[in-house]
Amino acid sequence: MTIHEVEAELHALFVRGQAGDAAAYHAFLRRLGGHLRAYLGRRLFGWPDEVEDLVQECLLAMHNQRHTYQPDQPLTAWVHAIARYKMIDLLRAKAGREALHDPLEDDLPVFAASQEDAGDARRDLAGLLATLPDRHRLPIVHVKLEGRSVAETARLTGMSESAVKVGIHRGLKALAGRLAKGHP
């Protein structure tokens, strides 16, 4: 299924759910849960327990803030923005800082989901990744962001599979440390 088909299916189920169709809303939550598991799993490889916790946190945040979604905006941009903020909280907590537990406010910019938010997220991520050496950055980009296998990434970069795995681990650890300090 293409990203456009996923967007269309999730959007249709969510809008029907907002209109009172309980079956459509339950189908939306099930389908979105699978989408979030894949989305977060690619980014948090090796942390399956954290992925499941984040999926549940994201679903709860989206349920509680569903009234803030603007139907003329891409649903997946709204979903990914929420997931991104939840993931940042996790990385901060993993780096030794207490996760943010403040309740979500209705007027947070994240809930205004727009293409601009997605662009900002891409620029933020690109800026963070640019601070890493190639031996850490390239494995993260190829495996976590592009979804390539470790073996394929090893062939592309000329690194061993073991070096690719180490590069991902050390790169994510470095990014978490930077995020914990509040700056890239």
Protein backbone atom coordinates (compact mmCIF):
# COMPACT_ATOMS: atom_id res chain seq x y z
CA MET A 1 0.00 0.00 0.00
CA THR A 2 1.43 3.40 -0.97
CA ILE A 3 1.74 6.28 1.47
CA HIS A 4 -1.10 8.05 -0.35
CA GLU A 5 -3.37 5.03 0.03
CA VAL A 6 -2.49 4.76 3.74
CA GLU A 7 -3.24 8.48 4.16
CA ALA A 8 -6.57 8.18 2.34
CA GLU A 9 -7.65 5.10 4.32
CA LEU A 10 -6.68 6.54 7.72
CA HIS A 11 -8.22 9.92 6.90
CA ALA A 12 -11.53 8.38 5.79
CA LEU A 13 -11.78 6.18 8.89
CA PHE A 14 -10.84 9.04 11.22
CA VAL A 15 -13.32 11.51 9.72
CA ARG A 16 -16.09 8.89 9.88
CA GLY A 17 -15.11 8.20 13.48
CA GLN A 18 -15.29 11.90 14.33
CA ALA A 19 -18.78 11.94 12.82
CA GLY A 20 -19.89 9.24 15.29
CA ASP A 21 -19.15 5.98 13.44
CA ALA A 22 -17.75 3.89 16.33
CA ALA A 23 -16.80 0.94 14.08
CA ALA A 24 -14.82 3.24 11.77
CA TYR A 25 -13.07 4.82 14.77
CA HIS A 26 -12.09 1.40 16.18
CA ALA A 27 -10.83 0.37 12.72
CA PHE A 28 -8.88 3.64 12.56
CA LEU A 29 -7.21 2.98 15.93
CA ARG A 30 -6.27 -0.59 14.95
CA ARG A 31 -4.90 0.50 11.56
CA LEU A 32 -3.12 3.51 13.05
CA GLY A 33 -1.59 1.33 15.77
CA GLY A 34 0.00 -0.85 13.08
CA HIS A 35 1.18 2.21 11.16
CA LEU A 36 2.71 3.74 14.30
CA ARG A 37 4.43 0.46 15.26
CA ALA A 38 6.12 0.39 11.85
CA TYR A 39 6.93 4.13 11.89
CA LEU A 40 8.38 4.08 15.42
CA GLY A 41 9.95 0.64 15.03
CA ARG A 42 12.08 1.89 12.13
CA ARG A 43 13.26 4.79 14.24
CA LEU A 44 13.74 2.96 17.53
CA PHE A 45 15.19 -0.33 16.30
CA GLY A 46 16.23 -2.47 19.24
CA TRP A 47 13.80 -0.89 21.69
CA PRO A 48 10.62 -2.97 21.11
CA ASP A 49 9.19 -2.32 24.58
CA GLU A 50 9.61 1.42 24.15
CA VAL A 51 8.00 1.25 20.71
CA GLU A 52 4.87 -0.38 22.13
CA ASP A 53 4.73 2.14 25.00
CA LEU A 54 5.08 5.02 22.54
CA VAL A 55 2.36 3.60 20.30
CA GLN A 56 -0.02 3.56 23.26
CA GLU A 57 1.00 7.08 24.34
CA CYS A 58 0.50 8.37 20.79
CA LEU A 59 -2.91 6.73 20.43
CA LEU A 60 -4.01 8.19 23.75
CA ALA A 61 -2.74 11.68 22.84
CA MET A 62 -4.46 11.49 19.45
CA HIS A 63 -7.70 10.31 21.02
CA ASN A 64 -7.62 13.08 23.63
CA GLN A 65 -6.80 15.73 21.03
CA ARG A 66 -8.86 14.39 18.11
CA HIS A 67 -11.03 17.49 18.14
CA THR A 68 -7.98 19.60 17.17
CA TYR A 69 -7.42 17.79 13.88
CA GLN A 70 -8.27 19.90 10.85
CA PRO A 71 -9.82 17.60 8.19
CA ASP A 72 -8.35 19.61 5.31
CA GLN A 73 -4.80 18.82 6.53
CA PRO A 74 -2.90 15.55 5.98
CA LEU A 75 -3.69 13.19 8.84
CA THR A 76 -0.32 11.45 8.77
CA ALA A 77 1.49 14.80 9.22
CA TRP A 78 -0.55 15.35 12.40
CA VAL A 79 0.09 11.77 13.55
CA HIS A 80 3.83 11.91 12.81
CA ALA A 81 4.21 15.26 14.58
CA ILE A 82 2.66 13.80 17.74
CA ALA A 83 4.81 10.66 17.43
CA ARG A 84 7.91 12.80 16.93
CA TYR A 85 7.29 14.76 20.11
CA LYS A 86 6.62 11.56 22.05
CA MET A 87 9.84 10.07 20.66
CA ILE A 88 11.83 13.16 21.70
CA ASP A 89 10.43 12.80 25.21
CA LEU A 90 11.57 9.16 25.26
CA LEU A 91 15.07 10.02 24.02
CA ARG A 92 15.39 12.71 26.67
CA ALA A 93 14.31 10.25 29.35
CA LYS A 94 16.72 7.61 28.02
CA ALA A 95 19.53 10.14 28.19
CA GLY A 96 18.95 10.59 31.90
CA ARG A 97 16.46 13.43 31.99
CA GLU A 98 12.98 13.04 33.30
CA ALA A 99 10.40 12.72 30.52
CA LEU A 100 7.90 15.52 30.21
CA HIS A 101 4.63 14.52 31.87
CA ASP A 102 2.68 17.74 31.50
CA PRO A 103 -0.77 17.21 30.05
CA LEU A 104 -1.10 18.17 26.42
CA GLU A 105 -2.68 21.55 25.86
CA ASP A 106 -5.25 22.12 23.14
CA ASP A 107 -3.37 25.07 21.71
CA LEU A 108 0.01 23.38 21.20
CA PRO A 109 1.30 24.08 17.69
CA VAL A 110 1.84 20.34 17.10
CA PHE A 111 -1.93 19.90 16.85
CA ALA A 112 -2.25 22.46 14.09
CA ALA A 113 -0.60 19.93 11.74
CA SER A 114 0.42 21.36 8.43
CA GLN A 115 2.94 20.76 5.72
CA GLU A 116 5.07 23.41 7.40
CA ASP A 117 5.32 21.23 10.54
CA ALA A 118 6.52 18.29 8.47
CA GLY A 119 9.07 20.52 6.76
CA ASP A 120 10.26 21.83 10.12
CA ALA A 121 10.63 18.26 11.39
CA ARG A 122 12.69 17.30 8.32
CA ARG A 123 14.94 20.36 8.79
CA ASP A 124 15.34 19.64 12.53
CA LEU A 125 16.26 16.04 11.80
CA ALA A 126 18.64 17.02 8.99
CA GLY A 127 20.34 19.51 11.30
CA LEU A 128 20.75 16.94 14.06
CA LEU A 129 22.06 14.30 11.66
CA ALA A 130 24.55 16.77 10.16
CA THR A 131 26.27 16.94 13.56
CA LEU A 132 27.18 13.26 13.36
CA PRO A 133 30.22 11.79 11.61
CA ASP A 134 29.47 9.78 8.45
CA ARG A 135 30.12 6.46 10.24
CA HIS A 136 27.09 7.22 12.46
CA ARG A 137 24.95 9.40 10.21
CA LEU A 138 24.90 7.19 7.10
CA PRO A 139 23.75 4.01 8.88
CA ILE A 140 20.95 5.96 10.61
CA VAL A 141 19.83 7.56 7.34
CA HIS A 142 19.90 4.34 5.33
CA VAL A 143 18.45 1.94 7.93
CA LYS A 144 16.21 4.07 10.13
CA LEU A 145 14.97 6.71 7.72
CA GLU A 146 15.09 4.99 4.33
CA GLY A 147 14.18 1.53 5.66
CA ARG A 148 17.10 -0.29 4.05
CA SER A 149 18.48 -3.48 5.56
CA VAL A 150 21.72 -3.57 7.52
CA ALA A 151 23.25 -5.75 4.78
CA GLU A 152 22.22 -3.33 2.02
CA THR A 153 23.55 -0.38 4.03
CA ALA A 154 26.85 -2.19 4.54
CA ARG A 155 27.16 -2.66 0.76
CA LEU A 156 26.27 0.98 0.06
CA THR A 157 28.67 2.45 2.61
CA GLY A 158 31.51 -0.07 2.38
CA MET A 159 31.14 -0.75 6.11
CA SER A 160 30.78 -4.17 7.71
CA GLU A 161 27.31 -5.14 8.94
CA SER A 162 28.65 -5.01 12.48
CA ALA A 163 30.00 -1.48 11.91
CA VAL A 164 26.60 -0.41 10.56
CA LYS A 165 24.86 -1.68 13.72
CA VAL A 166 27.45 -0.01 15.96
CA GLY A 167 27.13 3.22 13.95
CA ILE A 168 23.36 3.25 14.45
CA HIS A 169 23.65 2.56 18.17
CA ARG A 170 26.34 5.19 18.78
CA GLY A 171 24.68 7.73 16.51
CA LEU A 172 21.30 7.40 18.27
CA LYS A 173 23.04 7.62 21.63
CA ALA A 174 24.83 10.81 20.54
CA LEU A 175 21.55 12.32 19.24
CA ALA A 176 19.77 11.45 22.50
CA GLY A 177 22.56 13.15 24.43
CA ARG A 178 22.26 16.29 22.31
CA LEU A 179 18.49 16.36 22.72
CA ALA A 180 18.83 15.89 26.48
CA LYS A 181 21.06 18.94 26.66
CA GLY A 182 18.41 20.92 24.83
CA HIS A 183 20.47 21.65 21.75
CA PRO A 184 21.78 19.83 18.67
